[in-house]
Amino acid sequence: MASVTIGGRLLHPRDLDSYATFAYEYAGLEDAEDFTDAEEGTGGLQRVTGDLNTALAWAAAGVCVLQQSLPHPFSRVLPPQ
């Protein structure tokens, strides 16, 4: 699989974990657990200390790659692993 460097980061375009990892890093979150906070009804967005727009762009790119990986038209649910 070919890789590409984007913004100084090495990316394997079909590695979906990379998109999520980069999104959390750009948002300034350590991991997925930092994004959810049920305490006193406050949302995890209050913990975002980085660039949310860049983080969301990386997340959207990962969703796009996932969608392109599914057969067309895909309207079912992926089986649990």
C-alpha atoms as a PDB file:
ATOM      1  CA  MET A   1       0.000   0.000   0.000  1.00  0.00           C
ATOM      2  CA  ALA A   2       1.376   3.395  -0.947  1.00  0.00           C
ATOM      3  CA  SER A   3       1.733   6.150   1.624  1.00  0.00           C
ATOM      4  CA  VAL A   4       1.729   9.919   1.404  1.00  0.00           C
ATOM      5  CA  THR A   5       3.023  12.693   3.641  1.00  0.00           C
ATOM      6  CA  ILE A   6       0.443  15.377   4.446  1.00  0.00           C
ATOM      7  CA  GLY A   7       1.359  18.262   6.724  1.00  0.00           C
ATOM      8  CA  GLY A   8       4.465  16.417   7.871  1.00  0.00           C
ATOM      9  CA  ARG A   9       2.476  13.296   8.816  1.00  0.00           C
ATOM     10  CA  LEU A  10       2.951   9.957   7.094  1.00  0.00           C
ATOM     11  CA  LEU A  11      -0.403   8.505   6.097  1.00  0.00           C
ATOM     12  CA  HIS A  12      -1.414   5.208   4.576  1.00  0.00           C
ATOM     13  CA  PRO A  13      -4.637   6.399   2.862  1.00  0.00           C
ATOM     14  CA  ARG A  14      -6.633   3.243   3.627  1.00  0.00           C
ATOM     15  CA  ASP A  15      -5.585   3.050   7.303  1.00  0.00           C
ATOM     16  CA  LEU A  16      -8.776   4.298   8.958  1.00  0.00           C
ATOM     17  CA  ASP A  17      -7.199   4.388  12.430  1.00  0.00           C
ATOM     18  CA  SER A  18      -4.776   7.059  11.202  1.00  0.00           C
ATOM     19  CA  TYR A  19      -7.609   9.454  10.371  1.00  0.00           C
ATOM     20  CA  ALA A  20      -9.113   9.063  13.840  1.00  0.00           C
ATOM     21  CA  THR A  21      -5.716   9.390  15.526  1.00  0.00           C
ATOM     22  CA  PHE A  22      -4.901  12.575  13.614  1.00  0.00           C
ATOM     23  CA  ALA A  23      -8.371  13.994  14.363  1.00  0.00           C
ATOM     24  CA  TYR A  24      -7.913  13.470  18.112  1.00  0.00           C
ATOM     25  CA  GLU A  25      -4.394  14.925  18.006  1.00  0.00           C
ATOM     26  CA  TYR A  26      -5.477  18.055  16.119  1.00  0.00           C
ATOM     27  CA  ALA A  27      -8.387  18.523  18.536  1.00  0.00           C
ATOM     28  CA  GLY A  28      -5.944  18.367  21.432  1.00  0.00           C
ATOM     29  CA  LEU A  29      -7.507  15.223  22.884  1.00  0.00           C
ATOM     30  CA  GLU A  30      -5.446  12.334  24.201  1.00  0.00           C
ATOM     31  CA  ASP A  31      -7.954   9.651  23.167  1.00  0.00           C
ATOM     32  CA  ALA A  32     -11.655   8.974  22.622  1.00  0.00           C
ATOM     33  CA  GLU A  33     -12.327   8.887  26.371  1.00  0.00           C
ATOM     34  CA  ASP A  34     -11.417  12.582  26.633  1.00  0.00           C
ATOM     35  CA  PHE A  35     -14.197  13.560  24.250  1.00  0.00           C
ATOM     36  CA  THR A  36     -17.095  12.223  26.311  1.00  0.00           C
ATOM     37  CA  ASP A  37     -17.892  13.753  29.680  1.00  0.00           C
ATOM     38  CA  ALA A  38     -21.285  13.094  31.232  1.00  0.00           C
ATOM     39  CA  GLU A  39     -20.414  14.976  34.415  1.00  0.00           C
ATOM     40  CA  GLU A  40     -22.947  17.749  35.078  1.00  0.00           C
ATOM     41  CA  GLY A  41     -24.248  17.499  31.535  1.00  0.00           C
ATOM     42  CA  THR A  42     -21.197  19.179  30.012  1.00  0.00           C
ATOM     43  CA  GLY A  43     -20.139  18.022  26.586  1.00  0.00           C
ATOM     44  CA  GLY A  44     -16.726  16.779  25.623  1.00  0.00           C
ATOM     45  CA  LEU A  45     -16.292  19.730  23.269  1.00  0.00           C
ATOM     46  CA  GLN A  46     -15.243  21.799  26.272  1.00  0.00           C
ATOM     47  CA  ARG A  47     -12.068  19.697  26.446  1.00  0.00           C
ATOM     48  CA  VAL A  48     -11.022  20.476  22.875  1.00  0.00           C
ATOM     49  CA  THR A  49      -7.878  22.595  23.100  1.00  0.00           C
ATOM     50  CA  GLY A  50      -6.649  22.288  19.517  1.00  0.00           C
ATOM     51  CA  ASP A  51      -7.889  23.055  16.031  1.00  0.00           C
ATOM     52  CA  LEU A  52     -11.405  21.625  15.841  1.00  0.00           C
ATOM     53  CA  ASN A  53     -11.880  22.468  12.158  1.00  0.00           C
ATOM     54  CA  THR A  54      -8.742  20.559  11.151  1.00  0.00           C
ATOM     55  CA  ALA A  55      -9.732  17.683  13.434  1.00  0.00           C
ATOM     56  CA  LEU A  56     -13.180  17.469  11.855  1.00  0.00           C
ATOM     57  CA  ALA A  57     -11.647  17.584   8.363  1.00  0.00           C
ATOM     58  CA  TRP A  58      -9.476  14.546   9.209  1.00  0.00           C
ATOM     59  CA  ALA A  59     -12.486  12.717  10.653  1.00  0.00           C
ATOM     60  CA  ALA A  60     -14.570  13.510   7.559  1.00  0.00           C
ATOM     61  CA  ALA A  61     -11.775  12.246   5.314  1.00  0.00           C
ATOM     62  CA  GLY A  62     -11.757   8.953   7.224  1.00  0.00           C
ATOM     63  CA  VAL A  63     -15.524   8.601   6.807  1.00  0.00           C
ATOM     64  CA  CYS A  64     -15.138   9.268   3.074  1.00  0.00           C
ATOM     65  CA  VAL A  65     -12.483   6.538   2.760  1.00  0.00           C
ATOM     66  CA  LEU A  66     -14.722   4.120   4.664  1.00  0.00           C
ATOM     67  CA  GLN A  67     -17.705   4.908   2.432  1.00  0.00           C
ATOM     68  CA  GLN A  68     -15.627   4.312  -0.685  1.00  0.00           C
ATOM     69  CA  SER A  69     -14.511   0.946   0.711  1.00  0.00           C
ATOM     70  CA  LEU A  70     -18.075  -0.392   0.894  1.00  0.00           C
ATOM     71  CA  PRO A  71     -19.833  -1.971  -2.094  1.00  0.00           C
ATOM     72  CA  HIS A  72     -22.419   0.249  -3.797  1.00  0.00           C
ATOM     73  CA  PRO A  73     -25.226   0.458  -2.821  1.00  0.00           C
ATOM     74  CA  PHE A  74     -24.534  -0.497   0.782  1.00  0.00           C
ATOM     75  CA  SER A  75     -27.550  -0.166   3.053  1.00  0.00           C
ATOM     76  CA  ARG A  76     -26.939  -2.859   5.655  1.00  0.00           C
ATOM     77  CA  VAL A  77     -25.009  -2.931   8.907  1.00  0.00           C
ATOM     78  CA  LEU A  78     -21.434  -4.205   9.154  1.00  0.00           C
ATOM     79  CA  PRO A  79     -21.224  -7.357  11.259  1.00  0.00           C
ATOM     80  CA  PRO A  80     -19.615  -6.970  14.721  1.00  0.00           C
ATOM     81  CA  GLN A  81     -16.019  -8.100  14.986  1.00  0.00           C
END
